[in-house]
Amino acid sequence: MTDTRQALARNAQILRFLMKYRKAGVLTGFDLDAATVEVDEVDVAGQPEAFVDDLEALGPTFIKIGQALSTRPDMVPPAYLAALERMQDDVAPVPFQVIHAAVEDALGVRINKVFDSFDETPLGSASLAQVHRATLRDGRNIAVKVQRPGIVEQIRDDLDTLARLAGGIDRVTDLGRRVRFADWVHEFRRTLLAELDYRVEAENLDRFDAHFAAYPSLFVPKPIWDLTRPRLLTMELVEGTKVTAISGLQRTERDMAPLATALLHGYLDQVFVHGEIHADPHPGNLLYTRDGRLALLDLGMVAHVPPRTRERLLKLLFAAVDGRGEQVAAEGIAMGTRLEDFDEERYYRDVGQLVARYAAQSGATGQTEGRLVLDLVRLATACGLRTAPEMSLLGKTLLHLESVVRTLAPELDMKRVVEDHLNDMMRQRLRKSLSPANLASEMMDLQELVREAPRKVSNVLSLLAENRLRVRLTGLEESHLLESLHKIANRIAAGVVTAALILASALMMDNPGGPRLFGYPAIALLLFLTGAGLGIAIVLSALLGDRRARPNEESGPH
């Protein structure tokens, strides 16, 4: 009973939060007019900061939701995006006795059997976990990331509540039918639960370390697999200075431009070669080590980019730096979903103007690639095009990288660095496509096509000549069209029966003979009540059970 009361209280708390901000403009990114309004034209005084404070007060699930929303300029207006980026994930640490028990429970042995020392004061404490410094028996200094006890269960309960609410919103509101909040919650659930399994983060550490082998100045701490569990991650200890805390003297003693260039090259390779986006490369997750390298931390949030999407993102960015606005718009349409009110002419025009402005600027003061990609997402939303989520992630990642680069080497021409590396990647892809193995495979496909074409053409002509060519449609018996036709037929039949019953009861009311009920002929009254009941049931079914059709949406190119 106590658990039920707690669940109801939590549901009520979430509902109060949603009701409080239902008209606050948090999701005006979906409004065609609001998406194009400048920040200072909207009355948002105090609301974004209060929104972030209330998110933090709701706990870890909603802190993560805030972090996810900060990557979605198509969903959230700029004022709220700026507030969400400042969201703090620093919370009071869990007492060491609880952490001590959690470590021993995860490893199955006493803590002093594994560690020579284990600091009670955490290096950092967040909503999902906290990190402690420790020393192994062999003398190695390590970092131990311990998940807060009970956090998985709390997050699952919150996500179940959000999934039910999102499903209801999708069914009864136009915005829900257009946006499909239930799909977004489902994808968020999958990503967050994967982040809570620290074996996945350990795999990310190993994979990023291998991918950055070509860049010695980038360092990723290695996990210690023997001491890693689903809720416990043990890895090398990284000691250094946060990028934001690098002093002017350090920048004077060493040229940071090669370090910033290597970081950009490494991340561009990570996205376009290996198909992964580290969704949180902000300055707080990068350390400048004592040996002059950049260490990457917190690789729990890694998004995988499918090969086809990766190719289109590369073409889009390459066309943007080359100033080809029409191709940028075409790639955006190919990756996105055209909604019912998609304004294609406006989209091409606005994207062309945006890309032209970007291409005309140069140097460290020009518009950055991350800002360009996020502006493309906003323009798409304003024109009725739902963009691929990978596009928002790419823009956000580039924006974080730009802040790191500006901190390390303010004079570096980031646009030139990105453009040169994209050119190198395109040349490498071209050389790979012209390799003997690829050419041989394509020649074999062409040979098979030439060999089989005459026979297939002959078969088609024979079927046409003999009038035996048939077109078969499958799946109609299971389609929504047939289901709707059955529903219409049943409604019509029920309506006819209802009308017949009421008409028959009206005709029999004048019958003076037979049994009576409440002063009326009993049979006539029963027929009337039956017909009235059926009529009310039909009306209620239509009002409560019928759903509006989803808006017409198209994915991919025309």
Protein backbone atom coordinates (compact mmCIF):
# COMPACT_ATOMS: atom_id res chain seq x y z
CA MET A 1 0.00 0.00 0.00
CA THR A 2 2.89 2.35 0.80
CA ASP A 3 4.47 1.69 -2.61
CA THR A 4 1.14 2.43 -4.31
CA ARG A 5 0.78 5.72 -2.45
CA GLN A 6 4.34 6.68 -3.38
CA ALA A 7 3.69 5.85 -7.04
CA LEU A 8 0.50 7.93 -7.05
CA ALA A 9 2.30 10.84 -5.37
CA ARG A 10 5.11 10.65 -7.96
CA ASN A 11 2.59 10.57 -10.83
CA ALA A 12 0.84 13.60 -9.36
CA GLN A 13 4.16 15.44 -9.06
CA ILE A 14 4.99 14.78 -12.73
CA LEU A 15 1.49 15.82 -13.82
CA ARG A 16 1.73 19.08 -11.87
CA PHE A 17 5.00 19.84 -13.62
CA LEU A 18 3.55 19.13 -17.08
CA MET A 19 0.42 21.17 -16.38
CA LYS A 20 2.51 24.08 -15.08
CA TYR A 21 4.47 24.36 -18.34
CA ARG A 22 1.86 23.18 -20.83
CA LYS A 23 1.43 26.73 -22.15
CA ALA A 24 4.86 28.11 -21.34
CA GLY A 25 6.15 27.78 -24.89
CA VAL A 26 8.65 25.00 -24.13
CA LEU A 27 7.71 23.18 -27.33
CA THR A 28 7.21 26.17 -29.61
CA GLY A 29 9.88 24.66 -31.83
CA PHE A 30 6.98 22.85 -33.48
CA ASP A 31 5.05 26.06 -34.12
CA LEU A 32 5.74 27.38 -37.60
CA ASP A 33 5.66 30.99 -36.49
CA ALA A 34 7.24 30.61 -33.05
CA ALA A 35 10.17 28.71 -34.51
CA THR A 36 11.23 31.79 -36.43
CA VAL A 37 10.72 34.33 -33.63
CA GLU A 38 13.82 35.77 -32.02
CA VAL A 39 14.41 35.10 -28.35
CA ASP A 40 13.86 38.67 -27.23
CA GLU A 41 10.46 38.78 -28.96
CA VAL A 42 9.03 36.10 -26.68
CA ASP A 43 7.99 36.77 -23.12
CA VAL A 44 10.21 34.23 -21.40
CA ALA A 45 11.31 36.31 -18.42
CA GLY A 46 12.21 33.89 -15.67
CA GLN A 47 10.41 30.92 -17.20
CA PRO A 48 13.41 29.05 -18.70
CA GLU A 49 15.39 29.21 -15.46
CA ALA A 50 12.35 28.14 -13.43
CA PHE A 51 11.75 25.31 -15.89
CA VAL A 52 15.31 24.05 -15.40
CA ASP A 53 15.04 24.36 -11.61
CA ASP A 54 11.84 22.31 -11.62
CA LEU A 55 13.45 19.68 -13.86
CA GLU A 56 16.37 19.35 -11.45
CA ALA A 57 13.97 19.07 -8.51
CA LEU A 58 12.19 16.12 -10.18
CA GLY A 59 15.34 14.03 -10.00
CA PRO A 60 17.77 12.16 -12.27
CA THR A 61 15.28 11.06 -14.93
CA PHE A 62 14.25 14.62 -15.65
CA ILE A 63 17.81 15.92 -15.48
CA LYS A 64 18.61 13.48 -18.27
CA ILE A 65 15.49 14.59 -20.13
CA GLY A 66 16.73 18.17 -19.87
CA GLN A 67 20.11 17.14 -21.27
CA ALA A 68 18.36 15.33 -24.14
CA LEU A 69 16.14 18.34 -24.87
CA SER A 70 19.22 20.57 -25.00
CA THR A 71 20.19 18.71 -28.20
CA ARG A 72 16.81 19.34 -29.85
CA PRO A 73 16.55 22.89 -31.24
CA ASP A 74 13.62 21.65 -33.32
CA MET A 75 11.64 21.00 -30.12
CA VAL A 76 12.82 23.71 -27.73
CA PRO A 77 13.08 27.48 -28.35
CA PRO A 78 16.50 29.18 -27.98
CA ALA A 79 15.82 30.72 -24.55
CA TYR A 80 15.07 27.30 -23.05
CA LEU A 81 18.03 25.72 -24.88
CA ALA A 82 20.39 28.23 -23.28
CA ALA A 83 18.94 27.49 -19.83
CA LEU A 84 19.11 23.72 -20.36
CA GLU A 85 22.78 23.95 -21.35
CA ARG A 86 23.50 25.48 -17.94
CA MET A 87 21.68 22.68 -16.14
CA GLN A 88 23.74 21.39 -13.24
CA ASP A 89 24.12 17.67 -12.58
CA ASP A 90 26.07 18.11 -9.35
CA VAL A 91 24.19 16.74 -6.35
CA ALA A 92 25.03 15.93 -2.77
CA PRO A 93 27.14 12.76 -2.53
CA VAL A 94 25.78 9.51 -1.19
CA PRO A 95 27.21 8.57 2.24
CA PHE A 96 30.34 6.46 1.91
CA GLN A 97 28.76 3.57 3.83
CA VAL A 98 26.22 3.19 1.01
CA ILE A 99 28.93 3.37 -1.67
CA HIS A 100 31.07 0.88 0.27
CA ALA A 101 28.19 -1.61 0.36
CA ALA A 102 27.38 -1.06 -3.33
CA VAL A 103 30.99 -1.75 -4.38
CA GLU A 104 31.21 -4.92 -2.32
CA ASP A 105 27.84 -6.10 -3.60
CA ALA A 106 28.87 -5.53 -7.22
CA LEU A 107 32.27 -7.23 -6.91
CA GLY A 108 31.18 -9.95 -4.52
CA VAL A 109 34.23 -9.51 -2.27
CA ARG A 110 35.31 -7.25 0.54
CA ILE A 111 36.60 -3.90 -0.65
CA ASN A 112 40.00 -4.25 1.06
CA LYS A 113 40.61 -7.53 -0.82
CA VAL A 114 40.72 -5.64 -4.14
CA PHE A 115 41.84 -2.11 -3.35
CA ASP A 116 44.88 -1.01 -1.40
CA SER A 117 43.09 2.28 -0.71
CA PHE A 118 39.69 3.75 -1.51
CA ASP A 119 39.06 7.46 -0.92
CA GLU A 120 35.86 8.20 0.94
CA THR A 121 35.55 11.69 -0.57
CA PRO A 122 34.29 11.46 -4.16
CA LEU A 123 36.06 13.17 -7.05
CA GLY A 124 32.63 14.06 -8.43
CA SER A 125 28.99 13.39 -7.64
CA ALA A 126 26.16 13.43 -10.19
CA SER A 127 22.53 12.35 -10.24
CA LEU A 128 23.26 8.84 -11.51
CA ALA A 129 26.66 8.03 -10.01
CA GLN A 130 29.68 9.31 -8.19
CA VAL A 131 33.37 8.73 -8.83
CA HIS A 132 35.97 7.80 -6.20
CA ARG A 133 39.74 7.61 -6.41
CA ALA A 134 41.29 4.27 -5.44
CA THR A 135 44.56 2.35 -5.62
CA LEU A 136 44.85 -1.28 -6.65
CA ARG A 137 47.03 -3.85 -4.90
CA ASP A 138 49.63 -3.51 -7.68
CA GLY A 139 49.91 0.25 -7.03
CA ARG A 140 47.92 1.54 -10.02
CA ASN A 141 45.80 4.63 -9.41
CA ILE A 142 42.28 4.18 -10.74
CA ALA A 143 38.87 5.84 -10.76
CA VAL A 144 35.80 3.90 -9.65
CA LYS A 145 32.40 5.04 -10.93
CA VAL A 146 29.65 3.74 -8.65
CA GLN A 147 25.98 3.91 -9.59
CA ARG A 148 23.66 5.28 -6.94
CA PRO A 149 21.65 2.43 -5.36
CA GLY A 150 18.00 2.25 -6.43
CA ILE A 151 18.44 4.70 -9.30
CA VAL A 152 17.52 2.19 -12.04
CA GLU A 153 14.21 1.30 -10.43
CA GLN A 154 13.29 4.97 -9.97
CA ILE A 155 14.14 5.77 -13.59
CA ARG A 156 12.12 2.82 -14.90
CA ASP A 157 9.06 3.93 -12.92
CA ASP A 158 9.40 7.52 -14.18
CA LEU A 159 9.79 6.34 -17.77
CA ASP A 160 6.72 4.10 -17.49
CA THR A 161 4.71 7.10 -16.30
CA LEU A 162 6.04 9.30 -19.11
CA ALA A 163 5.28 6.61 -21.70
CA ARG A 164 1.63 6.43 -20.58
CA LEU A 165 1.29 10.21 -20.61
CA ALA A 166 2.98 10.50 -24.02
CA GLY A 167 0.67 7.87 -25.49
CA GLY A 168 -2.37 9.77 -24.25
CA ILE A 169 -1.05 13.09 -25.60
CA ASP A 170 -0.38 11.49 -29.00
CA ARG A 171 -3.96 10.19 -29.17
CA VAL A 172 -5.86 13.33 -28.17
CA THR A 173 -3.77 16.30 -29.39
CA ASP A 174 -2.75 17.52 -32.82
CA LEU A 175 0.75 18.27 -31.57
CA GLY A 176 1.12 14.72 -30.28
CA ARG A 177 -0.05 13.21 -33.56
CA ARG A 178 2.46 15.35 -35.38
CA VAL A 179 5.44 14.93 -33.08
CA ARG A 180 4.79 11.43 -31.69
CA PHE A 181 5.99 11.95 -28.15
CA ALA A 182 5.62 8.22 -27.43
CA ASP A 183 8.31 7.43 -30.02
CA TRP A 184 10.61 10.04 -28.49
CA VAL A 185 10.09 8.64 -24.98
CA HIS A 186 10.75 5.11 -26.27
CA GLU A 187 14.03 6.16 -27.89
CA PHE A 188 15.03 8.14 -24.79
CA ARG A 189 14.28 5.10 -22.62
CA ARG A 190 16.49 2.87 -24.75
CA THR A 191 19.39 5.35 -24.67
CA LEU A 192 19.18 6.08 -20.94
CA LEU A 193 18.95 2.43 -19.87
CA ALA A 194 21.98 1.67 -22.06
CA GLU A 195 23.86 4.48 -20.31
CA LEU A 196 23.03 2.90 -16.95
CA ASP A 197 24.86 -0.30 -17.96
CA TYR A 198 28.50 0.59 -17.33
CA ARG A 199 29.71 -2.33 -19.42
CA VAL A 200 28.45 -0.37 -22.43
CA GLU A 201 30.48 2.67 -21.36
CA ALA A 202 33.54 0.45 -20.90
CA GLU A 203 33.09 -0.80 -24.46
CA ASN A 204 32.85 2.81 -25.62
CA LEU A 205 36.14 3.61 -23.88
CA ASP A 206 37.91 0.72 -25.60
CA ARG A 207 36.41 1.57 -28.98
CA PHE A 208 37.22 5.28 -28.82
CA ASP A 209 40.76 4.47 -27.70
CA ALA A 210 41.20 2.28 -30.79
CA HIS A 211 39.65 4.87 -33.10
CA PHE A 212 41.91 7.65 -31.79
CA ALA A 213 45.08 5.58 -32.33
CA ALA A 214 45.99 7.89 -35.23
CA TYR A 215 45.93 10.89 -32.86
CA PRO A 216 48.52 10.40 -30.08
CA SER A 217 47.59 13.73 -28.50
CA LEU A 218 44.09 12.39 -27.66
CA PHE A 219 43.84 10.08 -24.67
CA VAL A 220 40.98 7.84 -23.55
CA PRO A 221 41.32 6.03 -20.19
CA LYS A 222 41.20 2.25 -20.47
CA PRO A 223 38.61 0.30 -18.47
CA ILE A 224 39.68 -2.46 -16.10
CA TRP A 225 37.32 -5.22 -17.16
CA ASP A 226 37.98 -7.52 -14.21
CA LEU A 227 36.54 -4.85 -11.92
CA THR A 228 33.73 -3.61 -14.16
CA ARG A 229 30.11 -4.59 -13.62
CA PRO A 230 26.73 -3.31 -14.89
CA ARG A 231 26.62 -0.76 -12.04
CA LEU A 232 30.34 -0.34 -11.39
CA LEU A 233 32.99 1.02 -13.81
CA THR A 234 36.68 0.87 -12.97
CA MET A 235 39.13 2.67 -15.26
CA GLU A 236 42.48 4.42 -15.36
CA LEU A 237 42.71 7.57 -13.29
CA VAL A 238 43.16 10.71 -15.37
CA GLU A 239 44.81 13.67 -13.70
CA GLY A 240 44.93 17.04 -15.32
CA THR A 241 43.35 20.45 -15.72
CA LYS A 242 39.90 21.10 -17.12
CA VAL A 243 40.08 22.79 -20.50
CA THR A 244 38.21 25.77 -19.10
CA ALA A 245 40.82 26.16 -16.37
CA ILE A 246 43.91 26.25 -18.61
CA SER A 247 45.92 29.32 -17.69
CA GLY A 248 47.27 31.91 -20.08
CA LEU A 249 50.79 30.90 -19.08
CA GLN A 250 50.17 27.32 -20.24
CA ARG A 251 48.89 28.59 -23.59
CA THR A 252 51.97 30.79 -23.89
CA GLU A 253 54.37 27.94 -23.13
CA ARG A 254 52.76 25.60 -25.64
CA ASP A 255 50.96 26.12 -28.94
CA MET A 256 47.50 24.63 -28.39
CA ALA A 257 46.43 24.87 -32.05
CA PRO A 258 47.73 21.36 -33.00
CA LEU A 259 45.88 19.93 -30.00
CA ALA A 260 42.62 21.64 -31.02
CA THR A 261 43.11 20.52 -34.64
CA ALA A 262 43.65 16.90 -33.56
CA LEU A 263 40.48 17.05 -31.47
CA LEU A 264 38.44 18.28 -34.44
CA HIS A 265 39.93 15.70 -36.80
CA GLY A 266 39.37 12.90 -34.30
CA TYR A 267 35.73 13.76 -33.76
CA LEU A 268 35.01 14.21 -37.47
CA ASP A 269 36.52 10.77 -38.09
CA GLN A 270 34.48 9.38 -35.22
CA VAL A 271 31.25 10.60 -36.80
CA PHE A 272 31.82 10.15 -40.52
CA VAL A 273 34.23 7.19 -40.58
CA HIS A 274 33.25 5.15 -37.54
CA GLY A 275 29.60 6.24 -37.33
CA GLU A 276 29.47 7.33 -33.67
CA ILE A 277 28.65 10.63 -32.01
CA HIS A 278 29.84 11.39 -28.49
CA ALA A 279 26.83 13.42 -27.49
CA ASP A 280 28.48 15.25 -24.58
CA PRO A 281 32.00 16.53 -25.47
CA HIS A 282 31.61 19.74 -23.46
CA PRO A 283 34.69 21.34 -21.84
CA GLY A 284 33.94 19.75 -18.47
CA ASN A 285 34.52 16.28 -19.96
CA LEU A 286 37.95 17.15 -21.39
CA LEU A 287 41.14 17.33 -19.30
CA TYR A 288 44.50 18.75 -20.30
CA THR A 289 46.95 16.21 -18.88
CA ARG A 290 50.40 16.85 -17.49
CA ASP A 291 52.07 15.32 -20.56
CA GLY A 292 50.26 17.74 -22.88
CA ARG A 293 47.43 15.52 -24.13
CA LEU A 294 43.64 15.88 -24.12
CA ALA A 295 41.83 13.21 -22.12
CA LEU A 296 38.20 12.39 -22.97
CA LEU A 297 35.92 11.41 -20.10
CA ASP A 298 32.29 10.32 -19.62
CA LEU A 299 31.59 8.28 -22.76
CA GLY A 300 28.26 6.94 -21.56
CA MET A 301 26.22 8.93 -24.10
CA VAL A 302 27.30 7.67 -27.52
CA ALA A 303 24.87 7.64 -30.44
CA HIS A 304 25.37 5.27 -33.36
CA VAL A 305 24.83 6.69 -36.86
CA PRO A 306 23.65 4.25 -39.58
CA PRO A 307 25.83 4.17 -42.73
CA ARG A 308 23.20 5.74 -45.00
CA THR A 309 22.57 8.60 -42.55
CA ARG A 310 26.33 9.01 -42.12
CA GLU A 311 26.76 9.41 -45.88
CA ARG A 312 24.00 12.00 -46.08
CA LEU A 313 25.36 13.97 -43.11
CA LEU A 314 28.78 14.07 -44.74
CA LYS A 315 27.30 15.23 -48.06
CA LEU A 316 25.25 17.87 -46.25
CA LEU A 317 28.22 19.29 -44.34
CA PHE A 318 30.48 19.10 -47.38
CA ALA A 319 27.92 20.96 -49.50
CA ALA A 320 27.49 23.56 -46.75
CA VAL A 321 31.20 24.42 -46.52
CA ASP A 322 31.23 24.57 -50.33
CA GLY A 323 28.25 26.99 -50.38
CA ARG A 324 25.83 24.71 -52.27
CA GLY A 325 22.55 25.54 -50.55
CA GLU A 326 20.25 23.53 -52.84
CA GLN A 327 22.16 20.31 -52.19
CA VAL A 328 22.11 21.02 -48.45
CA ALA A 329 18.32 21.38 -48.62
CA ALA A 330 17.99 18.23 -50.73
CA GLU A 331 20.04 16.17 -48.25
CA GLY A 332 18.00 17.56 -45.36
CA ILE A 333 14.79 16.43 -47.07
CA ALA A 334 16.27 13.02 -47.85
CA MET A 335 17.12 12.47 -44.16
CA GLY A 336 13.93 13.97 -42.74
CA THR A 337 10.19 13.39 -42.76
CA ARG A 338 7.96 15.76 -44.69
CA LEU A 339 4.91 16.66 -42.62
CA GLU A 340 1.51 17.47 -44.07
CA ASP A 341 2.17 21.22 -44.09
CA PHE A 342 5.73 21.04 -45.45
CA ASP A 343 6.56 24.21 -47.41
CA GLU A 344 9.22 22.98 -49.81
CA GLU A 345 9.67 26.25 -51.69
CA ARG A 346 10.23 28.21 -48.49
CA TYR A 347 12.60 25.55 -47.18
CA TYR A 348 14.82 25.66 -50.26
CA ARG A 349 14.84 29.45 -50.25
CA ASP A 350 15.67 29.85 -46.55
CA VAL A 351 18.33 27.13 -46.55
CA GLY A 352 19.93 28.66 -49.63
CA GLN A 353 20.15 32.05 -47.94
CA LEU A 354 21.52 30.56 -44.71
CA VAL A 355 24.23 28.54 -46.49
CA ALA A 356 25.17 31.51 -48.69
CA ARG A 357 25.73 33.65 -45.57
CA TYR A 358 27.79 30.90 -43.97
CA ALA A 359 29.95 30.37 -47.10
CA ALA A 360 30.58 34.11 -47.43
CA GLN A 361 32.06 34.34 -43.92
CA SER A 362 35.57 33.25 -43.08
CA GLY A 363 38.06 33.20 -40.27
CA ALA A 364 37.55 32.63 -36.57
CA THR A 365 34.74 35.20 -36.42
CA GLY A 366 32.47 33.57 -39.02
CA GLN A 367 29.42 31.45 -38.37
CA THR A 368 30.45 28.06 -37.03
CA GLU A 369 29.52 24.65 -38.36
CA GLY A 370 27.65 23.66 -35.21
CA ARG A 371 25.52 26.80 -35.30
CA LEU A 372 24.88 26.25 -39.01
CA VAL A 373 23.61 22.70 -38.46
CA LEU A 374 21.36 23.75 -35.57
CA ASP A 375 20.00 26.64 -37.66
CA LEU A 376 19.24 24.15 -40.43
CA VAL A 377 17.26 22.07 -37.93
CA ARG A 378 15.28 25.14 -36.83
CA LEU A 379 14.55 26.13 -40.43
CA ALA A 380 13.37 22.63 -41.23
CA THR A 381 10.99 22.69 -38.27
CA ALA A 382 9.64 26.08 -39.28
CA CYS A 383 8.90 24.74 -42.77
CA GLY A 384 7.23 21.50 -41.65
CA LEU A 385 10.14 19.07 -42.01
CA ARG A 386 10.96 16.71 -39.12
CA THR A 387 14.73 16.26 -39.19
CA ALA A 388 16.70 13.15 -38.29
CA PRO A 389 17.78 13.22 -34.60
CA GLU A 390 21.38 12.56 -35.67
CA MET A 391 21.43 15.99 -37.29
CA SER A 392 20.66 17.73 -33.99
CA LEU A 393 23.26 15.61 -32.20
CA LEU A 394 25.89 16.49 -34.80
CA GLY A 395 25.13 20.20 -34.45
CA LYS A 396 25.28 20.05 -30.66
CA THR A 397 28.54 18.08 -30.71
CA LEU A 398 30.15 20.52 -33.13
CA LEU A 399 28.98 23.41 -30.97
CA HIS A 400 30.60 21.86 -27.88
CA LEU A 401 33.79 21.23 -29.84
CA GLU A 402 33.82 24.83 -30.99
CA SER A 403 33.74 26.06 -27.39
CA VAL A 404 36.71 23.77 -26.59
CA VAL A 405 38.63 24.96 -29.65
CA ARG A 406 37.97 28.61 -28.80
CA THR A 407 39.32 27.96 -25.30
CA LEU A 408 42.44 26.18 -26.52
CA ALA A 409 43.27 28.26 -29.60
CA PRO A 410 41.04 31.32 -30.09
CA GLU A 411 42.86 32.31 -33.27
CA LEU A 412 42.32 28.95 -35.02
CA ASP A 413 40.20 29.10 -38.19
CA MET A 414 37.90 26.21 -37.34
CA LYS A 415 35.97 26.50 -40.59
CA ARG A 416 39.16 26.00 -42.58
CA VAL A 417 40.21 23.02 -40.43
CA VAL A 418 36.81 21.33 -40.92
CA GLU A 419 36.77 22.05 -44.64
CA ASP A 420 40.27 20.67 -45.19
CA HIS A 421 39.52 17.50 -43.23
CA LEU A 422 36.24 16.94 -45.07
CA ASN A 423 38.15 17.25 -48.36
CA ASP A 424 40.64 14.65 -47.13
CA MET A 425 37.83 12.28 -46.15
CA MET A 426 36.13 12.67 -49.53
CA ARG A 427 39.42 11.91 -51.34
CA GLN A 428 39.92 8.82 -49.18
CA ARG A 429 36.39 7.64 -49.94
CA LEU A 430 36.96 8.18 -53.65
CA ARG A 431 40.21 6.19 -53.56
CA LYS A 432 38.46 3.43 -51.64
CA SER A 433 35.58 3.31 -54.13
CA LEU A 434 38.14 2.96 -56.99
CA SER A 435 40.07 0.19 -55.29
CA PRO A 436 40.54 -3.05 -57.30
CA ALA A 437 38.29 -5.02 -54.94
CA ASN A 438 35.36 -2.56 -55.27
CA LEU A 439 35.78 -2.28 -59.04
CA ALA A 440 35.87 -6.08 -59.39
CA SER A 441 32.68 -6.45 -57.32
CA GLU A 442 30.85 -3.84 -59.40
CA MET A 443 32.02 -5.47 -62.64
CA MET A 444 30.66 -8.82 -61.45
CA ASP A 445 27.27 -7.20 -60.68
CA LEU A 446 27.26 -5.56 -64.11
CA GLN A 447 28.16 -8.84 -65.78
CA GLU A 448 25.28 -10.61 -64.03
CA LEU A 449 22.88 -7.85 -65.04
CA VAL A 450 23.94 -8.06 -68.70
CA ARG A 451 23.71 -11.85 -68.69
CA GLU A 452 20.26 -12.02 -67.07
CA ALA A 453 18.65 -8.98 -68.75
CA PRO A 454 17.69 -10.60 -72.12
CA ARG A 455 15.98 -13.55 -70.48
CA LYS A 456 14.01 -11.34 -68.04
CA VAL A 457 12.92 -8.95 -70.78
CA SER A 458 11.83 -11.94 -72.89
CA ASN A 459 9.74 -13.31 -70.01
CA VAL A 460 7.95 -9.99 -69.53
CA LEU A 461 7.22 -9.64 -73.26
CA SER A 462 5.87 -13.20 -73.37
CA LEU A 463 3.50 -12.54 -70.48
CA LEU A 464 2.27 -9.35 -72.17
CA ALA A 465 1.77 -11.09 -75.52
CA GLU A 466 -0.24 -13.91 -73.94
CA ASN A 467 -2.24 -11.52 -71.72
CA ARG A 468 -1.01 -13.34 -68.59
CA LEU A 469 0.68 -10.41 -66.84
CA ARG A 470 -0.85 -9.96 -63.40
CA VAL A 471 -0.39 -7.42 -60.62
CA ARG A 472 -0.96 -8.83 -57.15
CA LEU A 473 -1.64 -6.66 -54.08
CA THR A 474 -1.01 -8.24 -50.69
CA GLY A 475 -1.84 -7.09 -47.22
CA LEU A 476 -5.16 -5.41 -48.04
CA GLU A 477 -7.06 -7.87 -45.88
CA GLU A 478 -4.99 -6.67 -42.90
CA SER A 479 -4.96 -2.99 -43.76
CA HIS A 480 -6.44 -0.08 -41.82
CA LEU A 481 -8.64 0.65 -44.85
CA LEU A 482 -10.50 -2.66 -44.53
CA GLU A 483 -10.77 -2.20 -40.76
CA SER A 484 -12.28 1.26 -41.27
CA LEU A 485 -14.76 -0.08 -43.84
CA HIS A 486 -15.89 -2.77 -41.38
CA LYS A 487 -16.32 -0.12 -38.71
CA ILE A 488 -18.40 2.07 -41.04
CA ALA A 489 -20.61 -0.88 -42.05
CA ASN A 490 -21.17 -1.87 -38.42
CA ARG A 491 -22.07 1.71 -37.48
CA ILE A 492 -24.55 1.99 -40.34
CA ALA A 493 -26.18 -1.34 -39.45
CA ALA A 494 -26.40 -0.40 -35.76
CA GLY A 495 -27.86 2.99 -36.68
CA VAL A 496 -30.55 1.40 -38.89
CA VAL A 497 -31.49 -1.06 -36.14
CA THR A 498 -31.65 1.80 -33.60
CA ALA A 499 -33.85 3.89 -35.84
CA ALA A 500 -36.12 0.90 -36.52
CA LEU A 501 -36.54 0.18 -32.81
CA ILE A 502 -37.40 3.79 -31.97
CA LEU A 503 -39.82 4.02 -34.92
CA ALA A 504 -41.52 0.74 -33.93
CA SER A 505 -41.88 1.93 -30.33
CA ALA A 506 -43.46 5.18 -31.52
CA LEU A 507 -46.00 3.28 -33.65
CA MET A 508 -46.91 0.95 -30.79
CA MET A 509 -47.45 3.72 -28.23
CA ASP A 510 -51.04 4.18 -29.38
CA ASN A 511 -51.91 0.52 -28.82
CA PRO A 512 -54.58 0.51 -26.02
CA GLY A 513 -54.33 -3.21 -25.30
CA GLY A 514 -51.66 -5.43 -23.82
CA PRO A 515 -49.57 -5.10 -20.66
CA ARG A 516 -48.50 -1.67 -19.54
CA LEU A 517 -45.43 -0.36 -17.73
CA PHE A 518 -45.36 3.06 -16.01
CA GLY A 519 -48.54 3.83 -17.89
CA TYR A 520 -47.07 3.05 -21.32
CA PRO A 521 -47.39 -0.09 -23.45
CA ALA A 522 -44.69 -2.39 -22.07
CA ILE A 523 -43.42 -3.68 -25.44
CA ALA A 524 -43.25 -0.17 -26.91
CA LEU A 525 -41.40 1.15 -23.86
CA LEU A 526 -38.89 -1.73 -23.97
CA LEU A 527 -38.29 -1.16 -27.68
CA PHE A 528 -37.74 2.57 -27.06
CA LEU A 529 -35.33 2.00 -24.17
CA THR A 530 -33.37 -0.56 -26.21
CA GLY A 531 -33.15 1.77 -29.19
CA ALA A 532 -32.17 4.74 -26.97
CA GLY A 533 -29.47 2.65 -25.29
CA LEU A 534 -28.04 1.56 -28.63
CA GLY A 535 -28.08 5.15 -29.88
CA ILE A 536 -26.24 6.45 -26.83
CA ALA A 537 -23.69 3.62 -27.14
CA ILE A 538 -23.04 4.50 -30.81
CA VAL A 539 -22.54 8.19 -29.96
CA LEU A 540 -20.19 7.40 -27.06
CA SER A 541 -18.23 4.97 -29.21
CA ALA A 542 -17.80 7.62 -31.90
CA LEU A 543 -16.70 10.27 -29.42
CA LEU A 544 -14.35 8.14 -27.34
CA GLY A 545 -13.19 5.38 -29.65
CA ASP A 546 -12.66 7.02 -33.01
CA ARG A 547 -9.23 8.47 -33.65
CA ARG A 548 -8.28 11.04 -36.17
CA ALA A 549 -6.01 9.82 -38.93
CA ARG A 550 -2.35 10.57 -38.53
CA PRO A 551 -1.12 13.47 -40.63
CA ASN A 552 0.24 12.57 -44.02
CA GLU A 553 4.01 12.18 -43.69
CA GLU A 554 6.66 11.17 -46.19
CA SER A 555 10.22 10.11 -45.52
CA GLY A 556 13.19 10.29 -47.82
CA PRO A 557 13.57 12.00 -51.18
CA HIS A 558 10.69 12.58 -53.59
